[in-house]
Amino acid sequence: MEENYKLEKEYKVPAALFSEAYLAFQKKYIYPKSCIYMAIFAAIALVMLIFGILSMNDASDKQKYLTYLAILMACAFAFREWYNPKKKRRSLTESVKALGEPVYKIGIADNYVDISTVSDDLEDLSDEESSEAEEEDPLPEKTRINTDENYQLLEYDGFFLILSGKEKIYILPKEGFSEEELKTVRDTQK
């Protein structure tokens, strides 16, 4: 089936750009909720600490132990809310580094955007090994993102973030795109 694209272009996403783009995504959608939970758990820990200092002088050892345990649990939950987004970004960046730099293709039509993987980064392998790798792990089918109410295009200095809802994000680097092509990408946001 012949596609009627306004723009069709191949690109690569380096691991450093992926890390920067994922951090931008986290700042917009992950960190606000995480900061709220972190503040709530820190406030709970502080209230329990004040409660423990003021009213636990004549309490039993078991009550003191449970209060200290509750303070430590609240502090641990606050730390987890701070640490998990950083851990996830680092883990995903390492996964992207392990992939190498596969070539992707974007196709922009009037009502949708197609993104597909064109080829894996198999330059370090011999011809025989690369053909075996392609047979064992075929390329995924192209993803079609309708430019409807769930579609978002966020523009940053070096890249675009294409979001389909909040579940799927795609990174489109600006490097290698002409000003006219970048305008075509910007025009997808209605």
Protein backbone atom coordinates (compact mmCIF):
# COMPACT_ATOMS: atom_id res chain seq x y z
CA MET A 1 0.00 0.00 0.00
CA GLU A 2 1.49 3.33 -1.07
CA GLU A 3 1.57 5.91 1.71
CA ASN A 4 0.84 9.58 1.01
CA TYR A 5 3.45 11.24 3.24
CA LYS A 6 4.20 14.97 3.41
CA LEU A 7 7.56 14.06 4.95
CA GLU A 8 9.50 10.80 5.05
CA LYS A 9 12.92 10.81 6.70
CA GLU A 10 15.37 8.42 8.35
CA TYR A 11 17.13 9.31 11.59
CA LYS A 12 19.09 7.91 14.55
CA VAL A 13 18.68 8.58 18.27
CA PRO A 14 22.03 8.58 20.14
CA ALA A 15 21.99 7.38 23.76
CA ALA A 16 22.96 10.84 25.09
CA LEU A 17 20.02 12.42 23.26
CA PHE A 18 17.71 9.67 24.53
CA SER A 19 18.78 10.38 28.12
CA GLU A 20 18.21 14.12 27.66
CA ALA A 21 14.81 13.58 26.01
CA TYR A 22 13.65 11.07 28.62
CA LEU A 23 14.67 13.52 31.36
CA ALA A 24 12.51 16.19 29.66
CA PHE A 25 9.60 13.72 29.62
CA GLN A 26 10.14 12.91 33.30
CA LYS A 27 10.26 16.59 34.24
CA LYS A 28 6.89 17.14 32.60
CA TYR A 29 5.00 13.97 33.64
CA ILE A 30 6.89 11.96 36.29
CA TYR A 31 8.64 14.40 38.62
CA PRO A 32 5.59 16.50 39.63
CA LYS A 33 3.76 13.45 41.02
CA SER A 34 6.96 12.05 42.48
CA CYS A 35 7.75 15.35 44.24
CA ILE A 36 4.26 15.47 45.75
CA TYR A 37 4.59 11.93 47.14
CA MET A 38 8.12 12.65 48.35
CA ALA A 39 6.85 15.76 50.21
CA ILE A 40 3.96 13.81 51.73
CA PHE A 41 6.24 11.03 53.02
CA ALA A 42 8.78 13.55 54.32
CA ALA A 43 6.00 15.45 56.12
CA ILE A 44 4.73 12.20 57.65
CA ALA A 45 8.26 11.39 58.84
CA LEU A 46 8.65 14.88 60.32
CA VAL A 47 5.28 14.75 62.10
CA MET A 48 6.13 11.33 63.54
CA LEU A 49 9.53 12.57 64.67
CA ILE A 50 7.98 15.58 66.43
CA PHE A 51 5.31 13.32 67.94
CA GLY A 52 8.03 10.91 69.08
CA ILE A 53 10.12 13.65 70.70
CA LEU A 54 7.20 15.32 72.46
CA SER A 55 5.12 12.41 73.68
CA MET A 56 7.28 9.30 73.84
CA ASN A 57 9.22 10.09 77.04
CA ASP A 58 7.18 7.78 79.23
CA ALA A 59 6.12 5.31 76.49
CA SER A 60 7.08 1.65 76.50
CA ASP A 61 10.05 0.40 74.50
CA LYS A 62 7.71 -1.31 72.04
CA GLN A 63 5.88 1.96 71.29
CA LYS A 64 9.20 3.79 70.82
CA TYR A 65 10.45 1.04 68.52
CA LEU A 66 7.28 1.18 66.39
CA THR A 67 7.49 4.97 66.17
CA TYR A 68 11.11 4.87 65.02
CA LEU A 69 10.26 2.12 62.56
CA ALA A 70 7.39 4.23 61.15
CA ILE A 71 9.74 7.23 60.79
CA LEU A 72 12.29 5.10 58.94
CA MET A 73 9.59 3.66 56.66
CA ALA A 74 8.31 7.14 55.76
CA CYS A 75 11.90 8.28 55.04
CA ALA A 76 12.46 5.17 52.90
CA PHE A 77 9.31 5.85 50.87
CA ALA A 78 10.39 9.48 50.36
CA PHE A 79 13.84 8.31 49.21
CA ARG A 80 12.25 5.77 46.86
CA GLU A 81 10.14 8.51 45.22
CA TRP A 82 13.31 10.53 44.63
CA TYR A 83 15.48 7.62 43.44
CA ASN A 84 13.19 5.52 41.21
CA PRO A 85 12.88 8.02 38.31
CA LYS A 86 16.67 8.43 38.19
CA LYS A 87 17.14 4.65 38.28
CA LYS A 88 14.60 4.12 35.50
CA ARG A 89 16.22 6.75 33.25
CA ARG A 90 19.67 5.24 33.82
CA SER A 91 18.37 1.74 33.12
CA LEU A 92 16.59 2.79 29.90
CA THR A 93 19.65 4.73 28.73
CA GLU A 94 21.84 1.66 29.26
CA SER A 95 19.34 -0.40 27.23
CA VAL A 96 19.48 2.15 24.42
CA LYS A 97 23.30 2.08 24.50
CA ALA A 98 23.20 -1.71 24.22
CA LEU A 99 21.01 -1.43 21.10
CA GLY A 100 23.60 0.69 19.33
CA GLU A 101 22.09 3.26 17.01
CA PRO A 102 19.35 1.66 14.92
CA VAL A 103 17.96 3.66 12.01
CA TYR A 104 14.37 4.83 12.35
CA LYS A 105 12.02 6.32 9.79
CA ILE A 106 9.29 8.87 10.31
CA GLY A 107 6.46 9.36 7.86
CA ILE A 108 4.12 12.30 8.34
CA ALA A 109 0.72 12.30 6.65
CA ASP A 110 -2.31 14.54 7.13
CA ASN A 111 -3.94 12.64 10.03
CA TYR A 112 -1.21 10.39 11.37
CA VAL A 113 2.50 9.90 11.94
CA ASP A 114 4.21 6.58 11.21
CA ILE A 115 7.41 5.63 13.01
CA SER A 116 9.30 2.47 12.15
CA THR A 117 12.67 0.83 12.62
CA VAL A 118 14.47 0.59 9.29
CA SER A 119 17.53 -1.38 10.36
CA ASP A 120 19.45 -2.44 13.41
CA ASP A 121 22.99 -1.25 14.08
CA LEU A 122 24.80 -4.39 12.90
CA GLU A 123 28.05 -2.81 11.66
CA ASP A 124 30.23 -4.74 14.13
CA LEU A 125 28.96 -8.10 12.85
CA SER A 126 29.96 -9.99 9.73
CA ASP A 127 27.47 -10.36 6.87
CA GLU A 128 26.55 -13.90 7.92
CA GLU A 129 26.07 -12.94 11.59
CA SER A 130 23.97 -9.88 10.70
CA SER A 131 21.66 -11.91 8.42
CA GLU A 132 21.24 -14.51 11.20
CA ALA A 133 20.43 -11.73 13.70
CA GLU A 134 17.79 -10.29 11.35
CA GLU A 135 16.17 -13.72 10.89
CA GLU A 136 16.11 -14.47 14.63
CA ASP A 137 14.87 -11.03 15.67
CA PRO A 138 12.89 -9.36 12.87
CA LEU A 139 12.27 -5.63 12.90
CA PRO A 140 9.03 -4.49 14.57
CA GLU A 141 6.13 -3.28 12.48
CA LYS A 142 5.66 0.44 12.05
CA THR A 143 3.73 2.33 14.67
CA ARG A 144 0.92 4.61 13.55
CA ILE A 145 0.13 7.55 15.79
CA ASN A 146 -3.11 9.32 14.95
CA THR A 147 -2.93 13.09 15.33
CA ASP A 148 -6.06 13.26 17.47
CA GLU A 149 -6.75 14.53 20.99
CA ASN A 150 -4.24 12.04 22.51
CA TYR A 151 -1.39 13.27 20.28
CA GLN A 152 1.13 15.73 21.69
CA LEU A 153 4.24 17.24 20.16
CA LEU A 154 6.68 18.86 22.57
CA GLU A 155 9.57 20.83 21.11
CA TYR A 156 12.94 21.28 22.81
CA ASP A 157 16.27 22.70 21.63
CA GLY A 158 17.66 19.52 20.07
CA PHE A 159 14.66 17.24 19.67
CA PHE A 160 10.92 16.74 19.54
CA LEU A 161 8.99 14.46 21.88
CA ILE A 162 6.04 12.80 20.19
CA LEU A 163 3.54 11.46 22.69
CA SER A 164 0.57 9.23 22.16
CA GLY A 165 -1.24 9.66 25.44
CA LYS A 166 1.25 9.39 28.29
CA GLU A 167 2.12 5.75 27.61
CA LYS A 168 4.16 6.01 24.42
CA ILE A 169 6.92 8.49 23.73
CA TYR A 170 9.00 8.83 20.59
CA ILE A 171 12.10 10.97 20.24
CA LEU A 172 12.77 12.81 17.00
CA PRO A 173 16.14 14.60 16.86
CA LYS A 174 16.26 17.91 15.02
CA GLU A 175 19.75 17.17 13.73
CA GLY A 176 19.70 16.30 10.04
CA PHE A 177 16.32 17.95 9.39
CA SER A 178 15.97 21.08 7.26
CA GLU A 179 13.94 24.06 8.47
CA GLU A 180 11.12 23.13 6.07
CA GLU A 181 11.06 19.55 7.41
CA LEU A 182 10.99 20.85 10.99
CA LYS A 183 8.02 23.06 10.06
CA THR A 184 6.23 19.97 8.69
CA VAL A 185 6.83 18.21 12.01
CA ARG A 186 5.58 21.25 13.97
CA ASP A 187 2.43 21.37 11.83
CA THR A 188 1.36 17.92 13.08
CA GLN A 189 0.26 19.56 16.32
CA LYS A 190 -3.24 20.84 15.64
